[in-house]
Amino acid sequence: MLPEPYRLHHRSDFSRTVRHGRRLGRRDLVVHVLLASDVPVRFGGPRFGLIVSKAVGNAVIRHRVARRLRHMCGPLIDELPEEADVVIRALPGAAHAPAADLERQLRGALRKLVPNVAVAEPVSAAPESGGTS
């Protein structure tokens, strides 16, 4: 779950980020980032917004995609600058993409869009050993 201070709520914030921010498209996502240093002082850190249209699927699928993306945004809070606004637009392929692929696409886009910030590679589960000890 993404805590309240880290969410974009107002249409004006979404519009400003999409229109004036930098954008990078991936196979299943389009990521928009605006480093809003000229915005009045705000507290809490980076803010995230999601756009999951009907093209992605029915309501159940859209909500599942949104939950997965929100879950991926949580660990990014400490890695992005406080003045960053991030809007993630899910493309239709996001409905069937594995979570690891979505996270890799998101982190890769953020690495290119946010200068001087090291967004780490996604943490993948360690393979289990099949042998006996």
N, C-alpha and C. Protein backbone atom coordinates (compact mmCIF):
# COMPACT_ATOMS: atom_id res chain seq x y z
N MET A 1 0.84 -1.19 0.00
CA MET A 1 0.00 0.00 0.00
C MET A 1 0.88 1.24 0.00
N LEU A 2 0.50 2.22 -0.78
CA LEU A 2 1.25 3.46 -0.87
C LEU A 2 0.63 4.48 0.07
N PRO A 3 1.39 4.97 1.06
CA PRO A 3 0.83 5.93 2.02
C PRO A 3 0.31 7.20 1.36
N GLU A 4 -0.66 7.80 1.98
CA GLU A 4 -1.38 8.97 1.45
C GLU A 4 -0.49 10.13 1.00
N PRO A 5 0.53 10.54 1.77
CA PRO A 5 1.32 11.70 1.34
C PRO A 5 2.09 11.48 0.03
N TYR A 6 2.19 10.25 -0.40
CA TYR A 6 2.96 9.93 -1.59
C TYR A 6 2.09 9.71 -2.83
N ARG A 7 0.84 10.15 -2.79
CA ARG A 7 -0.07 9.96 -3.93
C ARG A 7 -0.42 11.29 -4.58
N LEU A 8 -0.55 11.26 -5.89
CA LEU A 8 -1.09 12.40 -6.62
C LEU A 8 -2.61 12.24 -6.65
N HIS A 9 -3.33 13.31 -6.34
CA HIS A 9 -4.79 13.22 -6.29
C HIS A 9 -5.48 14.15 -7.29
N HIS A 10 -4.93 15.33 -7.48
CA HIS A 10 -5.62 16.36 -8.25
C HIS A 10 -5.30 16.24 -9.74
N ARG A 11 -6.33 16.48 -10.53
CA ARG A 11 -6.17 16.42 -11.98
C ARG A 11 -5.08 17.39 -12.45
N SER A 12 -4.98 18.54 -11.81
CA SER A 12 -3.97 19.52 -12.20
C SER A 12 -2.55 18.97 -12.00
N ASP A 13 -2.34 18.18 -10.95
CA ASP A 13 -1.02 17.58 -10.72
C ASP A 13 -0.69 16.55 -11.80
N PHE A 14 -1.69 15.73 -12.15
CA PHE A 14 -1.49 14.75 -13.22
C PHE A 14 -1.18 15.47 -14.53
N SER A 15 -1.99 16.48 -14.86
CA SER A 15 -1.82 17.21 -16.13
C SER A 15 -0.46 17.89 -16.20
N ARG A 16 -0.06 18.54 -15.12
CA ARG A 16 1.23 19.23 -15.09
C ARG A 16 2.37 18.24 -15.30
N THR A 17 2.29 17.09 -14.65
CA THR A 17 3.36 16.09 -14.77
C THR A 17 3.42 15.53 -16.18
N VAL A 18 2.27 15.21 -16.77
CA VAL A 18 2.24 14.63 -18.11
C VAL A 18 2.65 15.65 -19.17
N ARG A 19 2.21 16.89 -19.02
CA ARG A 19 2.49 17.91 -20.05
C ARG A 19 3.90 18.49 -19.96
N HIS A 20 4.39 18.70 -18.75
CA HIS A 20 5.65 19.41 -18.58
C HIS A 20 6.81 18.52 -18.14
N GLY A 21 6.52 17.30 -17.78
CA GLY A 21 7.58 16.40 -17.31
C GLY A 21 8.24 15.67 -18.46
N ARG A 22 9.24 14.89 -18.11
CA ARG A 22 9.92 14.04 -19.09
C ARG A 22 9.18 12.72 -19.17
N ARG A 23 9.21 12.08 -20.34
CA ARG A 23 8.44 10.85 -20.57
C ARG A 23 9.33 9.80 -21.20
N LEU A 24 9.08 8.55 -20.78
CA LEU A 24 9.78 7.43 -21.39
C LEU A 24 8.81 6.27 -21.50
N GLY A 25 8.68 5.74 -22.70
CA GLY A 25 7.77 4.63 -22.93
C GLY A 25 8.51 3.30 -22.89
N ARG A 26 7.87 2.34 -22.31
CA ARG A 26 8.37 0.97 -22.27
C ARG A 26 7.31 0.08 -22.90
N ARG A 27 7.54 -1.22 -22.93
CA ARG A 27 6.61 -2.14 -23.57
C ARG A 27 5.23 -2.11 -22.93
N ASP A 28 5.16 -2.07 -21.60
CA ASP A 28 3.88 -2.15 -20.89
C ASP A 28 3.54 -0.90 -20.08
N LEU A 29 4.44 0.08 -20.04
CA LEU A 29 4.25 1.28 -19.22
C LEU A 29 4.76 2.51 -19.95
N VAL A 30 4.18 3.65 -19.63
CA VAL A 30 4.74 4.94 -19.99
C VAL A 30 4.94 5.67 -18.67
N VAL A 31 6.15 6.15 -18.42
CA VAL A 31 6.47 6.80 -17.16
C VAL A 31 6.75 8.28 -17.42
N HIS A 32 6.06 9.15 -16.68
CA HIS A 32 6.25 10.60 -16.76
C HIS A 32 6.83 11.05 -15.43
N VAL A 33 7.87 11.90 -15.47
CA VAL A 33 8.48 12.42 -14.25
C VAL A 33 8.64 13.92 -14.38
N LEU A 34 8.20 14.64 -13.35
CA LEU A 34 8.40 16.08 -13.27
C LEU A 34 9.11 16.37 -11.96
N LEU A 35 10.28 16.97 -12.05
CA LEU A 35 10.99 17.40 -10.85
C LEU A 35 10.52 18.81 -10.57
N ALA A 36 9.55 18.94 -9.69
CA ALA A 36 8.83 20.19 -9.46
C ALA A 36 9.50 21.02 -8.38
N SER A 37 10.68 21.54 -8.66
CA SER A 37 11.38 22.35 -7.67
C SER A 37 10.78 23.75 -7.55
N ASP A 38 9.97 24.16 -8.55
CA ASP A 38 9.36 25.48 -8.51
C ASP A 38 7.99 25.49 -7.84
N VAL A 39 7.53 24.35 -7.39
CA VAL A 39 6.23 24.24 -6.72
C VAL A 39 6.40 24.67 -5.27
N PRO A 40 5.39 25.30 -4.66
CA PRO A 40 5.52 25.68 -3.26
C PRO A 40 5.94 24.50 -2.39
N VAL A 41 6.56 24.81 -1.28
CA VAL A 41 7.10 23.80 -0.38
C VAL A 41 6.04 22.77 -0.02
N ARG A 42 6.39 21.53 -0.13
CA ARG A 42 5.50 20.45 0.26
C ARG A 42 6.30 19.45 1.07
N PHE A 43 5.61 18.67 1.83
CA PHE A 43 6.28 17.71 2.69
C PHE A 43 5.89 16.31 2.28
N GLY A 44 6.74 15.36 2.57
CA GLY A 44 6.37 13.97 2.38
C GLY A 44 7.21 13.21 1.40
N GLY A 45 7.80 13.86 0.42
CA GLY A 45 8.63 13.13 -0.52
C GLY A 45 7.99 13.03 -1.88
N PRO A 46 8.49 12.10 -2.72
CA PRO A 46 7.95 11.99 -4.09
C PRO A 46 6.50 11.55 -4.07
N ARG A 47 5.76 11.96 -5.12
CA ARG A 47 4.35 11.57 -5.23
C ARG A 47 4.16 10.77 -6.50
N PHE A 48 3.27 9.78 -6.42
CA PHE A 48 3.01 8.87 -7.54
C PHE A 48 1.55 8.93 -7.94
N GLY A 49 1.29 8.85 -9.23
CA GLY A 49 -0.06 8.76 -9.74
C GLY A 49 -0.13 7.67 -10.79
N LEU A 50 -1.27 7.02 -10.88
CA LEU A 50 -1.44 5.92 -11.82
C LEU A 50 -2.57 6.23 -12.79
N ILE A 51 -2.38 5.83 -14.04
CA ILE A 51 -3.42 5.92 -15.05
C ILE A 51 -3.57 4.51 -15.63
N VAL A 52 -4.71 3.90 -15.37
CA VAL A 52 -4.99 2.56 -15.87
C VAL A 52 -6.34 2.64 -16.57
N SER A 53 -6.31 2.73 -17.90
CA SER A 53 -7.54 2.95 -18.66
C SER A 53 -8.27 1.64 -18.94
N LYS A 54 -9.46 1.78 -19.51
CA LYS A 54 -10.26 0.61 -19.86
C LYS A 54 -9.61 -0.25 -20.94
N ALA A 55 -8.65 0.31 -21.65
CA ALA A 55 -7.94 -0.47 -22.66
C ALA A 55 -7.14 -1.60 -22.03
N VAL A 56 -6.80 -1.46 -20.76
CA VAL A 56 -6.03 -2.48 -20.05
C VAL A 56 -6.88 -3.72 -19.79
N GLY A 57 -8.17 -3.53 -19.53
CA GLY A 57 -9.04 -4.66 -19.26
C GLY A 57 -10.26 -4.24 -18.46
N ASN A 58 -11.00 -5.22 -17.98
CA ASN A 58 -12.19 -4.90 -17.19
C ASN A 58 -11.78 -4.40 -15.80
N ALA A 59 -12.75 -4.07 -14.98
CA ALA A 59 -12.46 -3.44 -13.68
C ALA A 59 -11.57 -4.32 -12.80
N VAL A 60 -11.80 -5.61 -12.80
CA VAL A 60 -11.00 -6.50 -11.97
C VAL A 60 -9.54 -6.47 -12.39
N ILE A 61 -9.30 -6.51 -13.68
CA ILE A 61 -7.93 -6.49 -14.20
C ILE A 61 -7.28 -5.14 -13.95
N ARG A 62 -8.03 -4.06 -14.19
CA ARG A 62 -7.47 -2.71 -13.95
C ARG A 62 -7.07 -2.53 -12.50
N HIS A 63 -7.91 -2.97 -11.57
CA HIS A 63 -7.58 -2.82 -10.15
C HIS A 63 -6.38 -3.68 -9.77
N ARG A 64 -6.26 -4.86 -10.36
CA ARG A 64 -5.10 -5.72 -10.07
C ARG A 64 -3.82 -5.04 -10.56
N VAL A 65 -3.86 -4.48 -11.77
CA VAL A 65 -2.69 -3.79 -12.31
C VAL A 65 -2.34 -2.60 -11.43
N ALA A 66 -3.34 -1.83 -11.02
CA ALA A 66 -3.08 -0.66 -10.16
C ALA A 66 -2.48 -1.08 -8.82
N ARG A 67 -2.99 -2.15 -8.23
CA ARG A 67 -2.42 -2.62 -6.96
C ARG A 67 -0.97 -3.03 -7.12
N ARG A 68 -0.67 -3.73 -8.20
CA ARG A 68 0.71 -4.15 -8.45
C ARG A 68 1.62 -2.95 -8.62
N LEU A 69 1.17 -1.94 -9.36
CA LEU A 69 2.00 -0.75 -9.57
C LEU A 69 2.18 0.04 -8.28
N ARG A 70 1.11 0.18 -7.49
CA ARG A 70 1.25 0.88 -6.20
C ARG A 70 2.25 0.17 -5.30
N HIS A 71 2.20 -1.15 -5.30
CA HIS A 71 3.12 -1.93 -4.48
C HIS A 71 4.57 -1.69 -4.91
N MET A 72 4.80 -1.50 -6.20
CA MET A 72 6.15 -1.24 -6.71
C MET A 72 6.64 0.16 -6.37
N CYS A 73 5.72 1.09 -6.18
CA CYS A 73 6.09 2.48 -5.90
C CYS A 73 6.59 2.66 -4.46
N GLY A 74 6.12 1.86 -3.55
CA GLY A 74 6.50 2.00 -2.14
C GLY A 74 8.00 2.04 -1.90
N PRO A 75 8.76 1.06 -2.38
CA PRO A 75 10.21 1.07 -2.15
C PRO A 75 10.93 2.22 -2.87
N LEU A 76 10.31 2.83 -3.87
CA LEU A 76 10.94 3.91 -4.61
C LEU A 76 10.92 5.23 -3.85
N ILE A 77 10.13 5.31 -2.79
CA ILE A 77 10.01 6.56 -2.04
C ILE A 77 11.36 7.03 -1.54
N ASP A 78 12.17 6.13 -1.02
CA ASP A 78 13.47 6.51 -0.48
C ASP A 78 14.53 6.71 -1.56
N GLU A 79 14.26 6.29 -2.79
CA GLU A 79 15.25 6.37 -3.85
C GLU A 79 15.10 7.60 -4.74
N LEU A 80 13.94 8.24 -4.72
CA LEU A 80 13.68 9.39 -5.59
C LEU A 80 13.75 10.69 -4.80
N PRO A 81 14.06 11.81 -5.48
CA PRO A 81 14.08 13.09 -4.79
C PRO A 81 12.68 13.50 -4.31
N GLU A 82 12.64 14.27 -3.24
CA GLU A 82 11.37 14.68 -2.63
C GLU A 82 10.49 15.47 -3.58
N GLU A 83 11.08 16.21 -4.51
CA GLU A 83 10.29 17.08 -5.39
C GLU A 83 9.78 16.36 -6.64
N ALA A 84 9.97 15.06 -6.74
CA ALA A 84 9.57 14.32 -7.93
C ALA A 84 8.07 13.97 -7.91
N ASP A 85 7.42 14.22 -9.03
CA ASP A 85 6.06 13.73 -9.27
C ASP A 85 6.18 12.71 -10.40
N VAL A 86 5.63 11.52 -10.18
CA VAL A 86 5.73 10.43 -11.14
C VAL A 86 4.32 9.98 -11.52
N VAL A 87 4.03 9.93 -12.81
CA VAL A 87 2.76 9.38 -13.29
C VAL A 87 3.10 8.15 -14.13
N ILE A 88 2.47 7.04 -13.80
CA ILE A 88 2.69 5.78 -14.51
C ILE A 88 1.41 5.44 -15.26
N ARG A 89 1.52 5.35 -16.59
CA ARG A 89 0.38 4.97 -17.42
C ARG A 89 0.57 3.52 -17.84
N ALA A 90 -0.38 2.68 -17.45
CA ALA A 90 -0.32 1.26 -17.81
C ALA A 90 -0.85 1.09 -19.23
N LEU A 91 -0.13 0.37 -20.04
CA LEU A 91 -0.56 0.03 -21.39
C LEU A 91 -1.25 -1.33 -21.35
N PRO A 92 -2.00 -1.70 -22.39
CA PRO A 92 -2.75 -2.96 -22.36
C PRO A 92 -1.93 -4.19 -22.01
N GLY A 93 -0.66 -4.24 -22.38
CA GLY A 93 0.19 -5.39 -22.08
C GLY A 93 0.45 -5.57 -20.60
N ALA A 94 0.24 -4.53 -19.79
CA ALA A 94 0.49 -4.61 -18.35
C ALA A 94 -0.44 -5.60 -17.67
N ALA A 95 -1.58 -5.87 -18.27
CA ALA A 95 -2.55 -6.78 -17.67
C ALA A 95 -1.99 -8.20 -17.57
N HIS A 96 -1.14 -8.58 -18.49
CA HIS A 96 -0.64 -9.95 -18.52
C HIS A 96 0.85 -10.06 -18.26
N ALA A 97 1.51 -8.93 -18.03
CA ALA A 97 2.95 -8.95 -17.80
C ALA A 97 3.24 -9.40 -16.37
N PRO A 98 4.29 -10.20 -16.19
CA PRO A 98 4.68 -10.59 -14.84
C PRO A 98 5.11 -9.36 -14.03
N ALA A 99 4.91 -9.41 -12.73
CA ALA A 99 5.25 -8.29 -11.87
C ALA A 99 6.73 -7.93 -11.97
N ALA A 100 7.59 -8.92 -12.10
CA ALA A 100 9.02 -8.65 -12.21
C ALA A 100 9.34 -7.83 -13.46
N ASP A 101 8.65 -8.12 -14.56
CA ASP A 101 8.87 -7.35 -15.79
C ASP A 101 8.39 -5.91 -15.64
N LEU A 102 7.23 -5.73 -15.02
CA LEU A 102 6.73 -4.37 -14.80
C LEU A 102 7.69 -3.57 -13.92
N GLU A 103 8.18 -4.20 -12.87
CA GLU A 103 9.10 -3.50 -11.97
C GLU A 103 10.41 -3.16 -12.69
N ARG A 104 10.91 -4.06 -13.51
CA ARG A 104 12.13 -3.81 -14.27
C ARG A 104 11.92 -2.65 -15.23
N GLN A 105 10.77 -2.60 -15.90
CA GLN A 105 10.47 -1.51 -16.83
C GLN A 105 10.36 -0.18 -16.09
N LEU A 106 9.68 -0.19 -14.94
CA LEU A 106 9.51 1.04 -14.16
C LEU A 106 10.84 1.56 -13.67
N ARG A 107 11.64 0.71 -13.06
CA ARG A 107 12.94 1.15 -12.53
C ARG A 107 13.89 1.58 -13.65
N GLY A 108 13.86 0.90 -14.77
CA GLY A 108 14.70 1.29 -15.90
C GLY A 108 14.33 2.67 -16.42
N ALA A 109 13.04 2.93 -16.52
CA ALA A 109 12.59 4.24 -16.99
C ALA A 109 12.98 5.34 -16.00
N LEU A 110 12.81 5.07 -14.71
CA LEU A 110 13.17 6.08 -13.70
C LEU A 110 14.66 6.35 -13.69
N ARG A 111 15.48 5.32 -13.92
CA ARG A 111 16.93 5.53 -13.98
C ARG A 111 17.30 6.52 -15.08
N LYS A 112 16.59 6.45 -16.21
CA LYS A 112 16.90 7.35 -17.32
C LYS A 112 16.28 8.73 -17.15
N LEU A 113 15.14 8.80 -16.49
CA LEU A 113 14.41 10.07 -16.39
C LEU A 113 14.87 10.97 -15.26
N VAL A 114 15.37 10.39 -14.18
CA VAL A 114 15.74 11.19 -13.00
C VAL A 114 17.26 11.26 -12.95
N PRO A 115 17.83 12.41 -13.30
CA PRO A 115 19.29 12.52 -13.33
C PRO A 115 19.88 12.47 -11.92
N ASN A 116 21.08 11.94 -11.86
CA ASN A 116 21.86 11.90 -10.61
C ASN A 116 21.20 11.13 -9.48
N VAL A 117 20.33 10.20 -9.81
CA VAL A 117 19.69 9.37 -8.79
C VAL A 117 19.90 7.92 -9.19
N ALA A 118 20.37 7.14 -8.26
CA ALA A 118 20.61 5.72 -8.53
C ALA A 118 19.39 4.91 -8.08
N VAL A 119 18.53 4.57 -9.03
CA VAL A 119 17.40 3.70 -8.74
C VAL A 119 17.91 2.27 -8.90
N ALA A 120 17.86 1.51 -7.83
CA ALA A 120 18.43 0.17 -7.83
C ALA A 120 17.64 -0.77 -8.73
N GLU A 121 18.30 -1.83 -9.14
CA GLU A 121 17.63 -2.90 -9.89
C GLU A 121 16.60 -3.55 -8.98
N PRO A 122 15.54 -4.10 -9.55
CA PRO A 122 14.55 -4.78 -8.71
C PRO A 122 15.18 -5.95 -7.98
N VAL A 123 14.71 -6.15 -6.76
CA VAL A 123 15.19 -7.26 -5.97
C VAL A 123 14.42 -8.49 -6.39
N SER A 124 15.12 -9.46 -6.94
CA SER A 124 14.44 -10.68 -7.38
C SER A 124 14.64 -11.76 -6.34
N ALA A 125 13.71 -12.67 -6.29
CA ALA A 125 13.79 -13.76 -5.33
C ALA A 125 14.97 -14.66 -5.69
N ALA A 126 15.69 -15.10 -4.69
CA ALA A 126 16.82 -15.98 -4.91
C ALA A 126 16.30 -17.35 -5.32
N PRO A 127 16.93 -17.96 -6.30
CA PRO A 127 16.46 -19.29 -6.73
C PRO A 127 16.70 -20.31 -5.61
N GLU A 128 15.74 -21.17 -5.45
CA GLU A 128 15.86 -22.18 -4.43
C GLU A 128 16.71 -23.33 -4.96
N SER A 129 17.50 -23.90 -4.08
CA SER A 129 18.33 -25.01 -4.51
C SER A 129 17.49 -26.28 -4.49
N GLY A 130 17.59 -27.03 -5.56
CA GLY A 130 16.77 -28.22 -5.68
C GLY A 130 17.45 -29.45 -5.11
N GLY A 131 18.74 -29.35 -4.80
CA GLY A 131 19.47 -30.51 -4.31
C GLY A 131 19.34 -30.71 -2.82
N THR A 132 19.81 -31.83 -2.35
CA THR A 132 19.79 -32.11 -0.92
C THR A 132 21.14 -31.80 -0.33
N SER A 133 21.16 -31.48 0.93
CA SER A 133 22.41 -31.14 1.59
C SER A 133 22.95 -32.28 2.37
